[in-house]
Amino acid sequence: MKKLLLLLALPFTALCQDFPDGMVAVEFNASFNKANEVNWLPKLSDCETQRVDITADSRWSKEYKIVVVPTIVIFNNNEEVKRFQANIMMTMEATKNEVQNSIDEIVMEAF
C-alpha cells in the first residue's frame, strides 16, 4: 500500500515544482507568437522571471490551463496567485505597472 501511495504522489510533486520557490512571474507564450513577447518581463522587480514556450511541450498548456498566449502567471511558492491573459489579437493588455503592482501587493500581504 505504501508503494502505491508513493507512486501516486510522485507525478504531483514533480509538476508542482516546475518553478523555483518564492515569487516567480512566468510568461507562457508560443514560438508562433514571438512577435508579441512581453518585452518588459525581465524588468519586473521583487520576483524571478521565466519564459515558457508551450509549443515545445504541450504539458505546459494543459497543466497551467493556458488558453491564450501570451499569458503571465504569478506564482508564490509554486502556487498561482495572479494571472494576466492576452487579448484576442494575442497581445498583452496588462502593463508592466499593473503586473508590478500585483507583485508588490502579494509581497506586502506577507508581512
PDB file of N, CA and C in Angstrom:
ATOM      1  N   MET A   1       0.820  -1.201   0.000  1.00  0.00           N
ATOM      2  CA  MET A   1       0.000   0.000   0.000  1.00  0.00           C
ATOM      3  C   MET A   1       0.862   1.262   0.000  1.00  0.00           C
ATOM      4  N   LYS A   2       1.952   1.250   0.796  1.00  0.00           N
ATOM      5  CA  LYS A   2       2.832   2.410   0.851  1.00  0.00           C
ATOM      6  C   LYS A   2       3.458   2.694  -0.502  1.00  0.00           C
ATOM      7  N   LYS A   3       3.818   1.650  -1.247  1.00  0.00           N
ATOM      8  CA  LYS A   3       4.409   1.832  -2.565  1.00  0.00           C
ATOM      9  C   LYS A   3       3.424   2.491  -3.513  1.00  0.00           C
ATOM     10  N   LEU A   4       2.169   2.095  -3.461  1.00  0.00           N
ATOM     11  CA  LEU A   4       1.144   2.662  -4.315  1.00  0.00           C
ATOM     12  C   LEU A   4       0.964   4.143  -4.024  1.00  0.00           C
ATOM     13  N   LEU A   5       0.903   4.515  -2.770  1.00  0.00           N
ATOM     14  CA  LEU A   5       0.754   5.927  -2.408  1.00  0.00           C
ATOM     15  C   LEU A   5       1.942   6.747  -2.863  1.00  0.00           C
ATOM     16  N   LEU A   6       3.128   6.211  -2.753  1.00  0.00           N
ATOM     17  CA  LEU A   6       4.331   6.908  -3.188  1.00  0.00           C
ATOM     18  C   LEU A   6       4.290   7.140  -4.695  1.00  0.00           C
ATOM     19  N   LEU A   7       3.890   6.141  -5.458  1.00  0.00           N
ATOM     20  CA  LEU A   7       3.820   6.289  -6.904  1.00  0.00           C
ATOM     21  C   LEU A   7       2.790   7.326  -7.315  1.00  0.00           C
ATOM     22  N   LEU A   8       1.688   7.390  -6.625  1.00  0.00           N
ATOM     23  CA  LEU A   8       0.666   8.382  -6.936  1.00  0.00           C
ATOM     24  C   LEU A   8       1.121   9.785  -6.585  1.00  0.00           C
ATOM     25  N   ALA A   9       1.947   9.927  -5.583  1.00  0.00           N
ATOM     26  CA  ALA A   9       2.393  11.247  -5.145  1.00  0.00           C
ATOM     27  C   ALA A   9       3.503  11.801  -6.019  1.00  0.00           C
ATOM     28  N   LEU A  10       4.284  10.962  -6.655  1.00  0.00           N
ATOM     29  CA  LEU A  10       5.436  11.437  -7.431  1.00  0.00           C
ATOM     30  C   LEU A  10       5.076  12.383  -8.570  1.00  0.00           C
ATOM     31  N   PRO A  11       4.112  12.062  -9.437  1.00  0.00           N
ATOM     32  CA  PRO A  11       3.818  12.998 -10.517  1.00  0.00           C
ATOM     33  C   PRO A  11       3.335  14.348 -10.010  1.00  0.00           C
ATOM     34  N   PHE A  12       2.507  14.365  -8.994  1.00  0.00           N
ATOM     35  CA  PHE A  12       2.011  15.626  -8.449  1.00  0.00           C
ATOM     36  C   PHE A  12       3.165  16.469  -7.919  1.00  0.00           C
ATOM     37  N   THR A  13       4.068  15.861  -7.176  1.00  0.00           N
ATOM     38  CA  THR A  13       5.212  16.580  -6.625  1.00  0.00           C
ATOM     39  C   THR A  13       6.069  17.138  -7.736  1.00  0.00           C
ATOM     40  N   ALA A  14       6.325  16.352  -8.755  1.00  0.00           N
ATOM     41  CA  ALA A  14       7.175  16.807  -9.849  1.00  0.00           C
ATOM     42  C   ALA A  14       6.544  17.987 -10.570  1.00  0.00           C
ATOM     43  N   LEU A  15       5.239  17.937 -10.801  1.00  0.00           N
ATOM     44  CA  LEU A  15       4.577  19.007 -11.522  1.00  0.00           C
ATOM     45  C   LEU A  15       4.486  20.280 -10.697  1.00  0.00           C
ATOM     46  N   CYS A  16       4.386  20.168  -9.408  1.00  0.00           N
ATOM     47  CA  CYS A  16       4.252  21.342  -8.557  1.00  0.00           C
ATOM     48  C   CYS A  16       5.570  22.083  -8.367  1.00  0.00           C
ATOM     49  N   GLN A  17       6.654  21.500  -8.815  1.00  0.00           N
ATOM     50  CA  GLN A  17       7.942  22.139  -8.601  1.00  0.00           C
ATOM     51  C   GLN A  17       8.595  22.545  -9.916  1.00  0.00           C
ATOM     52  N   ASP A  18       7.804  23.011 -10.868  1.00  0.00           N
ATOM     53  CA  ASP A  18       8.337  23.463 -12.141  1.00  0.00           C
ATOM     54  C   ASP A  18       9.122  24.750 -11.990  1.00  0.00           C
ATOM     55  N   PHE A  19       8.763  25.562 -11.030  1.00  0.00           N
ATOM     56  CA  PHE A  19       9.369  26.869 -10.862  1.00  0.00           C
ATOM     57  C   PHE A  19       9.993  26.968  -9.476  1.00  0.00           C
ATOM     58  N   PRO A  20      10.971  27.867  -9.320  1.00  0.00           N
ATOM     59  CA  PRO A  20      11.635  27.983  -8.013  1.00  0.00           C
ATOM     60  C   PRO A  20      10.689  28.499  -6.933  1.00  0.00           C
ATOM     61  N   ASP A  21      11.036  28.233  -5.680  1.00  0.00           N
ATOM     62  CA  ASP A  21      10.266  28.778  -4.563  1.00  0.00           C
ATOM     63  C   ASP A  21      10.360  30.296  -4.575  1.00  0.00           C
ATOM     64  N   GLY A  22       9.423  30.923  -3.912  1.00  0.00           N
ATOM     65  CA  GLY A  22       9.387  32.382  -3.880  1.00  0.00           C
ATOM     66  C   GLY A  22       8.464  32.904  -4.967  1.00  0.00           C
ATOM     67  N   MET A  23       8.617  34.180  -5.269  1.00  0.00           N
ATOM     68  CA  MET A  23       7.771  34.848  -6.257  1.00  0.00           C
ATOM     69  C   MET A  23       8.382  34.688  -7.644  1.00  0.00           C
ATOM     70  N   VAL A  24       7.570  34.185  -8.587  1.00  0.00           N
ATOM     71  CA  VAL A  24       8.027  33.982  -9.961  1.00  0.00           C
ATOM     72  C   VAL A  24       6.933  34.448 -10.910  1.00  0.00           C
ATOM     73  N   ALA A  25       7.295  35.302 -11.858  1.00  0.00           N
ATOM     74  CA  ALA A  25       6.382  35.715 -12.920  1.00  0.00           C
ATOM     75  C   ALA A  25       6.772  34.941 -14.172  1.00  0.00           C
ATOM     76  N   VAL A  26       5.831  34.164 -14.696  1.00  0.00           N
ATOM     77  CA  VAL A  26       6.117  33.301 -15.842  1.00  0.00           C
ATOM     78  C   VAL A  26       5.278  33.753 -17.030  1.00  0.00           C
ATOM     79  N   GLU A  27       5.951  33.989 -18.139  1.00  0.00           N
ATOM     80  CA  GLU A  27       5.245  34.283 -19.381  1.00  0.00           C
ATOM     81  C   GLU A  27       5.135  32.987 -20.180  1.00  0.00           C
ATOM     82  N   PHE A  28       3.911  32.544 -20.402  1.00  0.00           N
ATOM     83  CA  PHE A  28       3.650  31.403 -21.266  1.00  0.00           C
ATOM     84  C   PHE A  28       3.331  31.976 -22.642  1.00  0.00           C
ATOM     85  N   ASN A  29       4.106  31.576 -23.627  1.00  0.00           N
ATOM     86  CA  ASN A  29       3.903  32.065 -24.983  1.00  0.00           C
ATOM     87  C   ASN A  29       4.150  30.909 -25.934  1.00  0.00           C
ATOM     88  N   ALA A  30       4.108  31.182 -27.217  1.00  0.00           N
ATOM     89  CA  ALA A  30       4.335  30.150 -28.224  1.00  0.00           C
ATOM     90  C   ALA A  30       5.287  30.699 -29.278  1.00  0.00           C
ATOM     91  N   SER A  31       6.056  29.818 -29.871  1.00  0.00           N
ATOM     92  CA  SER A  31       7.040  30.252 -30.862  1.00  0.00           C
ATOM     93  C   SER A  31       6.382  31.014 -32.021  1.00  0.00           C
ATOM     94  N   PHE A  32       5.167  30.653 -32.396  1.00  0.00           N
ATOM     95  CA  PHE A  32       4.484  31.359 -33.487  1.00  0.00           C
ATOM     96  C   PHE A  32       4.033  32.768 -33.089  1.00  0.00           C
ATOM     97  N   ASN A  33       4.112  33.098 -31.792  1.00  0.00           N
ATOM     98  CA  ASN A  33       3.679  34.414 -31.307  1.00  0.00           C
ATOM     99  C   ASN A  33       4.860  35.208 -30.732  1.00  0.00           C
ATOM    100  N   LYS A  34       6.053  34.883 -31.164  1.00  0.00           N
ATOM    101  CA  LYS A  34       7.272  35.533 -30.660  1.00  0.00           C
ATOM    102  C   LYS A  34       7.206  37.060 -30.820  1.00  0.00           C
ATOM    103  N   ALA A  35       6.563  37.540 -31.843  1.00  0.00           N
ATOM    104  CA  ALA A  35       6.464  38.987 -32.074  1.00  0.00           C
ATOM    105  C   ALA A  35       5.718  39.703 -30.947  1.00  0.00           C
ATOM    106  N   ASN A  36       4.883  38.955 -30.214  1.00  0.00           N
ATOM    107  CA  ASN A  36       4.108  39.557 -29.124  1.00  0.00           C
ATOM    108  C   ASN A  36       4.658  39.192 -27.753  1.00  0.00           C
ATOM    109  N   GLU A  37       5.928  38.845 -27.706  1.00  0.00           N
ATOM    110  CA  GLU A  37       6.574  38.557 -26.431  1.00  0.00           C
ATOM    111  C   GLU A  37       6.488  39.790 -25.525  1.00  0.00           C
ATOM    112  N   VAL A  38       6.316  39.564 -24.238  1.00  0.00           N
ATOM    113  CA  VAL A  38       6.217  40.658 -23.270  1.00  0.00           C
ATOM    114  C   VAL A  38       7.643  41.135 -22.965  1.00  0.00           C
ATOM    115  N   ASN A  39       8.057  42.205 -23.649  1.00  0.00           N
ATOM    116  CA  ASN A  39       9.460  42.636 -23.567  1.00  0.00           C
ATOM    117  C   ASN A  39       9.854  43.220 -22.214  1.00  0.00           C
ATOM    118  N   TRP A  40       8.898  43.633 -21.411  1.00  0.00           N
ATOM    119  CA  TRP A  40       9.223  44.218 -20.105  1.00  0.00           C
ATOM    120  C   TRP A  40       9.272  43.187 -18.976  1.00  0.00           C
ATOM    121  N   LEU A  41       9.028  41.937 -19.274  1.00  0.00           N
ATOM    122  CA  LEU A  41       9.013  40.902 -18.233  1.00  0.00           C
ATOM    123  C   LEU A  41      10.290  40.907 -17.385  1.00  0.00           C
ATOM    124  N   PRO A  42      11.491  40.937 -17.973  1.00  0.00           N
ATOM    125  CA  PRO A  42      12.709  40.903 -17.149  1.00  0.00           C
ATOM    126  C   PRO A  42      12.898  42.144 -16.263  1.00  0.00           C
ATOM    127  N   LYS A  43      12.135  43.186 -16.527  1.00  0.00           N
ATOM    128  CA  LYS A  43      12.258  44.425 -15.753  1.00  0.00           C
ATOM    129  C   LYS A  43      11.415  44.424 -14.479  1.00  0.00           C
ATOM    130  N   LEU A  44      10.631  43.371 -14.254  1.00  0.00           N
ATOM    131  CA  LEU A  44       9.849  43.278 -13.024  1.00  0.00           C
ATOM    132  C   LEU A  44      10.792  43.105 -11.840  1.00  0.00           C
ATOM    133  N   SER A  45      10.432  43.677 -10.712  1.00  0.00           N
ATOM    134  CA  SER A  45      11.290  43.567  -9.530  1.00  0.00           C
ATOM    135  C   SER A  45      10.597  42.751  -8.439  1.00  0.00           C
ATOM    136  N   ASP A  46      11.403  42.304  -7.473  1.00  0.00           N
ATOM    137  CA  ASP A  46      10.939  41.510  -6.333  1.00  0.00           C
ATOM    138  C   ASP A  46      10.393  40.150  -6.743  1.00  0.00           C
ATOM    139  N   CYS A  47      10.837  39.643  -7.890  1.00  0.00           N
ATOM    140  CA  CYS A  47      10.447  38.308  -8.325  1.00  0.00           C
ATOM    141  C   CYS A  47      11.443  37.809  -9.360  1.00  0.00           C
ATOM    142  N   GLU A  48      11.453  36.506  -9.529  1.00  0.00           N
ATOM    143  CA  GLU A  48      12.196  35.926 -10.643  1.00  0.00           C
ATOM    144  C   GLU A  48      11.268  35.921 -11.841  1.00  0.00           C
ATOM    145  N   THR A  49      11.844  35.852 -13.021  1.00  0.00           N
ATOM    146  CA  THR A  49      11.028  35.783 -14.235  1.00  0.00           C
ATOM    147  C   THR A  49      11.488  34.614 -15.093  1.00  0.00           C
ATOM    148  N   GLN A  50      10.524  34.014 -15.764  1.00  0.00           N
ATOM    149  CA  GLN A  50      10.820  32.915 -16.681  1.00  0.00           C
ATOM    150  C   GLN A  50       9.882  32.981 -17.867  1.00  0.00           C
ATOM    151  N   ARG A  51      10.353  32.425 -18.970  1.00  0.00           N
ATOM    152  CA  ARG A  51       9.527  32.310 -20.169  1.00  0.00           C
ATOM    153  C   ARG A  51       9.383  30.829 -20.510  1.00  0.00           C
ATOM    154  N   VAL A  52       8.173  30.446 -20.929  1.00  0.00           N
ATOM    155  CA  VAL A  52       7.901  29.066 -21.293  1.00  0.00           C
ATOM    156  C   VAL A  52       7.248  29.066 -22.673  1.00  0.00           C
ATOM    157  N   ASP A  53       7.816  28.282 -23.582  1.00  0.00           N
ATOM    158  CA  ASP A  53       7.243  28.092 -24.912  1.00  0.00           C
ATOM    159  C   ASP A  53       6.340  26.866 -24.859  1.00  0.00           C
ATOM    160  N   ILE A  54       5.042  27.088 -24.904  1.00  0.00           N
ATOM    161  CA  ILE A  54       4.096  25.974 -24.760  1.00  0.00           C
ATOM    162  C   ILE A  54       4.082  25.061 -25.979  1.00  0.00           C
ATOM    163  N   THR A  55       4.636  25.517 -27.109  1.00  0.00           N
ATOM    164  CA  THR A  55       4.684  24.646 -28.286  1.00  0.00           C
ATOM    165  C   THR A  55       5.810  23.617 -28.170  1.00  0.00           C
ATOM    166  N   ALA A  56       6.766  23.872 -27.294  1.00  0.00           N
ATOM    167  CA  ALA A  56       7.871  22.930 -27.101  1.00  0.00           C
ATOM    168  C   ALA A  56       7.430  21.701 -26.307  1.00  0.00           C
ATOM    169  N   ASP A  57       6.412  21.861 -25.460  1.00  0.00           N
ATOM    170  CA  ASP A  57       5.925  20.753 -24.636  1.00  0.00           C
ATOM    171  C   ASP A  57       4.464  21.041 -24.285  1.00  0.00           C
ATOM    172  N   SER A  58       3.549  20.243 -24.797  1.00  0.00           N
ATOM    173  CA  SER A  58       2.115  20.502 -24.594  1.00  0.00           C
ATOM    174  C   SER A  58       1.688  20.363 -23.135  1.00  0.00           C
ATOM    175  N   ARG A  59       2.525  19.768 -22.313  1.00  0.00           N
ATOM    176  CA  ARG A  59       2.199  19.613 -20.890  1.00  0.00           C
ATOM    177  C   ARG A  59       1.944  20.978 -20.246  1.00  0.00           C
ATOM    178  N   TRP A  60       2.704  21.986 -20.657  1.00  0.00           N
ATOM    179  CA  TRP A  60       2.573  23.317 -20.050  1.00  0.00           C
ATOM    180  C   TRP A  60       1.159  23.867 -20.219  1.00  0.00           C
ATOM    181  N   SER A  61       0.641  23.830 -21.423  1.00  0.00           N
ATOM    182  CA  SER A  61      -0.692  24.408 -21.659  1.00  0.00           C
ATOM    183  C   SER A  61      -1.781  23.623 -20.945  1.00  0.00           C
ATOM    184  N   LYS A  62      -1.614  22.321 -20.865  1.00  0.00           N
ATOM    185  CA  LYS A  62      -2.612  21.506 -20.177  1.00  0.00           C
ATOM    186  C   LYS A  62      -2.562  21.734 -18.669  1.00  0.00           C
ATOM    187  N   GLU A  63      -1.372  21.634 -18.111  1.00  0.00           N
ATOM    188  CA  GLU A  63      -1.235  21.730 -16.653  1.00  0.00           C
ATOM    189  C   GLU A  63      -1.623  23.104 -16.119  1.00  0.00           C
ATOM    190  N   TYR A  64      -1.228  24.155 -16.837  1.00  0.00           N
ATOM    191  CA  TYR A  64      -1.489  25.514 -16.339  1.00  0.00           C
ATOM    192  C   TYR A  64      -2.677  26.175 -17.027  1.00  0.00           C
ATOM    193  N   LYS A  65      -3.428  25.395 -17.796  1.00  0.00           N
ATOM    194  CA  LYS A  65      -4.660  25.857 -18.441  1.00  0.00           C
ATOM    195  C   LYS A  65      -4.436  27.148 -19.236  1.00  0.00           C
ATOM    196  N   ILE A  66      -3.444  27.114 -20.099  1.00  0.00           N
ATOM    197  CA  ILE A  66      -3.127  28.258 -20.945  1.00  0.00           C
ATOM    198  C   ILE A  66      -4.003  28.171 -22.184  1.00  0.00           C
ATOM    199  N   VAL A  67      -4.903  29.134 -22.341  1.00  0.00           N
ATOM    200  CA  VAL A  67      -5.839  29.118 -23.462  1.00  0.00           C
ATOM    201  C   VAL A  67      -5.547  30.212 -24.472  1.00  0.00           C
ATOM    202  N   VAL A  68      -4.725  31.176 -24.091  1.00  0.00           N
ATOM    203  CA  VAL A  68      -4.342  32.259 -24.990  1.00  0.00           C
ATOM    204  C   VAL A  68      -2.895  32.638 -24.659  1.00  0.00           C
ATOM    205  N   VAL A  69      -2.157  33.032 -25.689  1.00  0.00           N
ATOM    206  CA  VAL A  69      -0.776  33.461 -25.468  1.00  0.00           C
ATOM    207  C   VAL A  69      -0.613  34.898 -25.930  1.00  0.00           C
ATOM    208  N   PRO A  70       0.217  35.657 -25.263  1.00  0.00           N
ATOM    209  CA  PRO A  70       0.904  35.301 -24.030  1.00  0.00           C
ATOM    210  C   PRO A  70      -0.022  35.370 -22.817  1.00  0.00           C
ATOM    211  N   THR A  71       0.330  34.597 -21.815  1.00  0.00           N
ATOM    212  CA  THR A  71      -0.312  34.639 -20.507  1.00  0.00           C
ATOM    213  C   THR A  71       0.792  34.770 -19.478  1.00  0.00           C
ATOM    214  N   ILE A  72       0.629  35.694 -18.552  1.00  0.00           N
ATOM    215  CA  ILE A  72       1.577  35.844 -17.453  1.00  0.00           C
ATOM    216  C   ILE A  72       0.907  35.301 -16.200  1.00  0.00           C
ATOM    217  N   VAL A  73       1.589  34.373 -15.541  1.00  0.00           N
ATOM    218  CA  VAL A  73       1.089  33.823 -14.293  1.00  0.00           C
ATOM    219  C   VAL A  73       2.108  34.143 -13.209  1.00  0.00           C
ATOM    220  N   ILE A  74       1.619  34.690 -12.110  1.00  0.00           N
ATOM    221  CA  ILE A  74       2.486  34.959 -10.961  1.00  0.00           C
ATOM    222  C   ILE A  74       2.286  33.819  -9.972  1.00  0.00           C
ATOM    223  N   PHE A  75       3.389  33.177  -9.630  1.00  0.00           N
ATOM    224  CA  PHE A  75       3.391  32.090  -8.651  1.00  0.00           C
ATOM    225  C   PHE A  75       4.088  32.570  -7.390  1.00  0.00           C
ATOM    226  N   ASN A  76       3.554  32.191  -6.255  1.00  0.00           N
ATOM    227  CA  ASN A  76       4.218  32.437  -4.979  1.00  0.00           C
ATOM    228  C   ASN A  76       4.386  31.076  -4.318  1.00  0.00           C
ATOM    229  N   ASN A  77       5.634  30.632  -4.203  1.00  0.00           N
ATOM    230  CA  ASN A  77       5.938  29.288  -3.689  1.00  0.00           C
ATOM    231  C   ASN A  77       5.163  28.209  -4.443  1.00  0.00           C
ATOM    232  N   ASN A  78       5.208  28.309  -5.770  1.00  0.00           N
ATOM    233  CA  ASN A  78       4.601  27.340  -6.692  1.00  0.00           C
ATOM    234  C   ASN A  78       3.078  27.314  -6.647  1.00  0.00           C
ATOM    235  N   GLU A  79       2.459  28.324  -6.082  1.00  0.00           N
ATOM    236  CA  GLU A  79       1.001  28.436  -6.084  1.00  0.00           C
ATOM    237  C   GLU A  79       0.614  29.646  -6.926  1.00  0.00           C
ATOM    238  N   GLU A  80      -0.279  29.446  -7.887  1.00  0.00           N
ATOM    239  CA  GLU A  80      -0.720  30.556  -8.721  1.00  0.00           C
ATOM    240  C   GLU A  80      -1.486  31.564  -7.871  1.00  0.00           C
ATOM    241  N   VAL A  81      -1.087  32.838  -7.977  1.00  0.00           N
ATOM    242  CA  VAL A  81      -1.770  33.876  -7.206  1.00  0.00           C
ATOM    243  C   VAL A  81      -2.374  34.966  -8.090  1.00  0.00           C
ATOM    244  N   LYS A  82      -1.936  35.053  -9.343  1.00  0.00           N
ATOM    245  CA  LYS A  82      -2.491  36.074 -10.239  1.00  0.00           C
ATOM    246  C   LYS A  82      -2.216  35.662 -11.676  1.00  0.00           C
ATOM    247  N   ARG A  83      -3.133  36.023 -12.565  1.00  0.00           N
ATOM    248  CA  ARG A  83      -3.000  35.669 -13.987  1.00  0.00           C
ATOM    249  C   ARG A  83      -3.405  36.865 -14.840  1.00  0.00           C
ATOM    250  N   PHE A  84      -2.625  37.099 -15.900  1.00  0.00           N
ATOM    251  CA  PHE A  84      -2.910  38.143 -16.886  1.00  0.00           C
ATOM    252  C   PHE A  84      -2.903  37.478 -18.260  1.00  0.00           C
ATOM    253  N   GLN A  85      -3.974  37.647 -19.025  1.00  0.00           N
ATOM    254  CA  GLN A  85      -4.070  36.999 -20.326  1.00  0.00           C
ATOM    255  C   GLN A  85      -4.112  38.025 -21.451  1.00  0.00           C
ATOM    256  N   ALA A  86      -3.656  37.586 -22.613  1.00  0.00           N
ATOM    257  CA  ALA A  86      -3.655  38.429 -23.806  1.00  0.00           C
ATOM    258  C   ALA A  86      -5.071  38.626 -24.328  1.00  0.00           C
ATOM    259  N   ASN A  87      -5.194  39.589 -25.200  1.00  0.00           N
ATOM    260  CA  ASN A  87      -6.484  39.832 -25.849  1.00  0.00           C
ATOM    261  C   ASN A  87      -6.626  38.923 -27.072  1.00  0.00           C
ATOM    262  N   ILE A  88      -7.686  39.111 -27.825  1.00  0.00           N
ATOM    263  CA  ILE A  88      -7.965  38.267 -28.991  1.00  0.00           C
ATOM    264  C   ILE A  88      -6.897  38.410 -30.077  1.00  0.00           C
ATOM    265  N   MET A  89      -6.149  39.502 -30.058  1.00  0.00           N
ATOM    266  CA  MET A  89      -5.070  39.725 -31.030  1.00  0.00           C
ATOM    267  C   MET A  89      -3.748  39.122 -30.555  1.00  0.00           C
ATOM    268  N   MET A  90      -3.771  38.384 -29.472  1.00  0.00           N
ATOM    269  CA  MET A  90      -2.606  37.732 -28.879  1.00  0.00           C
ATOM    270  C   MET A  90      -1.529  38.730 -28.447  1.00  0.00           C
ATOM    271  N   THR A  91      -1.976  39.858 -27.916  1.00  0.00           N
ATOM    272  CA  THR A  91      -1.059  40.825 -27.321  1.00  0.00           C
ATOM    273  C   THR A  91      -1.479  41.057 -25.873  1.00  0.00           C
ATOM    274  N   MET A  92      -0.501  41.291 -25.030  1.00  0.00           N
ATOM    275  CA  MET A  92      -0.759  41.505 -23.611  1.00  0.00           C
ATOM    276  C   MET A  92      -1.284  42.913 -23.395  1.00  0.00           C
ATOM    277  N   GLU A  93      -2.458  43.019 -22.801  1.00  0.00           N
ATOM    278  CA  GLU A  93      -3.020  44.328 -22.494  1.00  0.00           C
ATOM    279  C   GLU A  93      -2.552  44.842 -21.138  1.00  0.00           C
ATOM    280  N   ALA A  94      -2.248  43.940 -20.226  1.00  0.00           N
ATOM    281  CA  ALA A  94      -1.756  44.366 -18.912  1.00  0.00           C
ATOM    282  C   ALA A  94      -0.424  45.071 -19.101  1.00  0.00           C
ATOM    283  N   THR A  95      -0.223  46.115 -18.325  1.00  0.00           N
ATOM    284  CA  THR A  95       1.027  46.863 -18.415  1.00  0.00           C
ATOM    285  C   THR A  95       2.012  46.361 -17.371  1.00  0.00           C
ATOM    286  N   LYS A  96       3.252  46.773 -17.527  1.00  0.00           N
ATOM    287  CA  LYS A  96       4.282  46.429 -16.544  1.00  0.00           C
ATOM    288  C   LYS A  96       3.861  46.927 -15.169  1.00  0.00           C
ATOM    289  N   ASN A  97       3.317  48.141 -15.105  1.00  0.00           N
ATOM    290  CA  ASN A  97       2.893  48.704 -13.811  1.00  0.00           C
ATOM    291  C   ASN A  97       1.789  47.883 -13.166  1.00  0.00           C
ATOM    292  N   GLU A  98       0.824  47.405 -13.947  1.00  0.00           N
ATOM    293  CA  GLU A  98      -0.252  46.583 -13.389  1.00  0.00           C
ATOM    294  C   GLU A  98       0.291  45.280 -12.812  1.00  0.00           C
ATOM    295  N   VAL A  99       1.185  44.637 -13.542  1.00  0.00           N
ATOM    296  CA  VAL A  99       1.756  43.376 -13.077  1.00  0.00           C
ATOM    297  C   VAL A  99       2.637  43.636 -11.855  1.00  0.00           C
ATOM    298  N   GLN A 100       3.458  44.690 -11.909  1.00  0.00           N
ATOM    299  CA  GLN A 100       4.329  45.012 -10.780  1.00  0.00           C
ATOM    300  C   GLN A 100       3.505  45.357  -9.538  1.00  0.00           C
ATOM    301  N   ASN A 101       2.401  46.072  -9.706  1.00  0.00           N
ATOM    302  CA  ASN A 101       1.529  46.391  -8.566  1.00  0.00           C
ATOM    303  C   ASN A 101       0.979  45.121  -7.921  1.00  0.00           C
ATOM    304  N   SER A 102       0.625  44.134  -8.735  1.00  0.00           N
ATOM    305  CA  SER A 102       0.142  42.858  -8.186  1.00  0.00           C
ATOM    306  C   SER A 102       1.242  42.164  -7.395  1.00  0.00           C
ATOM    307  N   ILE A 103       2.451  42.176  -7.922  1.00  0.00           N
ATOM    308  CA  ILE A 103       3.583  41.570  -7.214  1.00  0.00           C
ATOM    309  C   ILE A 103       3.819  42.297  -5.892  1.00  0.00           C
ATOM    310  N   ASP A 104       3.795  43.615  -5.929  1.00  0.00           N
ATOM    311  CA  ASP A 104       4.008  44.410  -4.718  1.00  0.00           C
ATOM    312  C   ASP A 104       2.947  44.120  -3.660  1.00  0.00           C
ATOM    313  N   GLU A 105       1.688  43.989  -4.078  1.00  0.00           N
ATOM    314  CA  GLU A 105       0.602  43.677  -3.150  1.00  0.00           C
ATOM    315  C   GLU A 105       0.826  42.310  -2.485  1.00  0.00           C
ATOM    316  N   ILE A 106       1.239  41.333  -3.275  1.00  0.00           N
ATOM    317  CA  ILE A 106       1.474  39.994  -2.747  1.00  0.00           C
ATOM    318  C   ILE A 106       2.613  40.009  -1.739  1.00  0.00           C
ATOM    319  N   VAL A 107       3.663  40.750  -2.053  1.00  0.00           N
ATOM    320  CA  VAL A 107       4.797  40.874  -1.132  1.00  0.00           C
ATOM    321  C   VAL A 107       4.355  41.535   0.167  1.00  0.00           C
ATOM    322  N   MET A 108       3.562  42.599   0.076  1.00  0.00           N
ATOM    323  CA  MET A 108       3.117  43.337   1.266  1.00  0.00           C
ATOM    324  C   MET A 108       2.183  42.480   2.134  1.00  0.00           C
ATOM    325  N   GLU A 109       1.366  41.643   1.496  1.00  0.00           N
ATOM    326  CA  GLU A 109       0.450  40.783   2.259  1.00  0.00           C
ATOM    327  C   GLU A 109       1.201  39.770   3.110  1.00  0.00           C
ATOM    328  N   ALA A 110       2.437  39.478   2.753  1.00  0.00           N
ATOM    329  CA  ALA A 110       3.239  38.509   3.511  1.00  0.00           C
ATOM    330  C   ALA A 110       3.708  39.074   4.840  1.00  0.00           C
ATOM    331  N   PHE A 111       3.635  40.370   4.992  1.00  0.00           N
ATOM    332  CA  PHE A 111       4.098  40.992   6.248  1.00  0.00           C
ATOM    333  C   PHE A 111       3.006  41.117   7.251  1.00  0.00           C
TER     334      PHE A 111
END
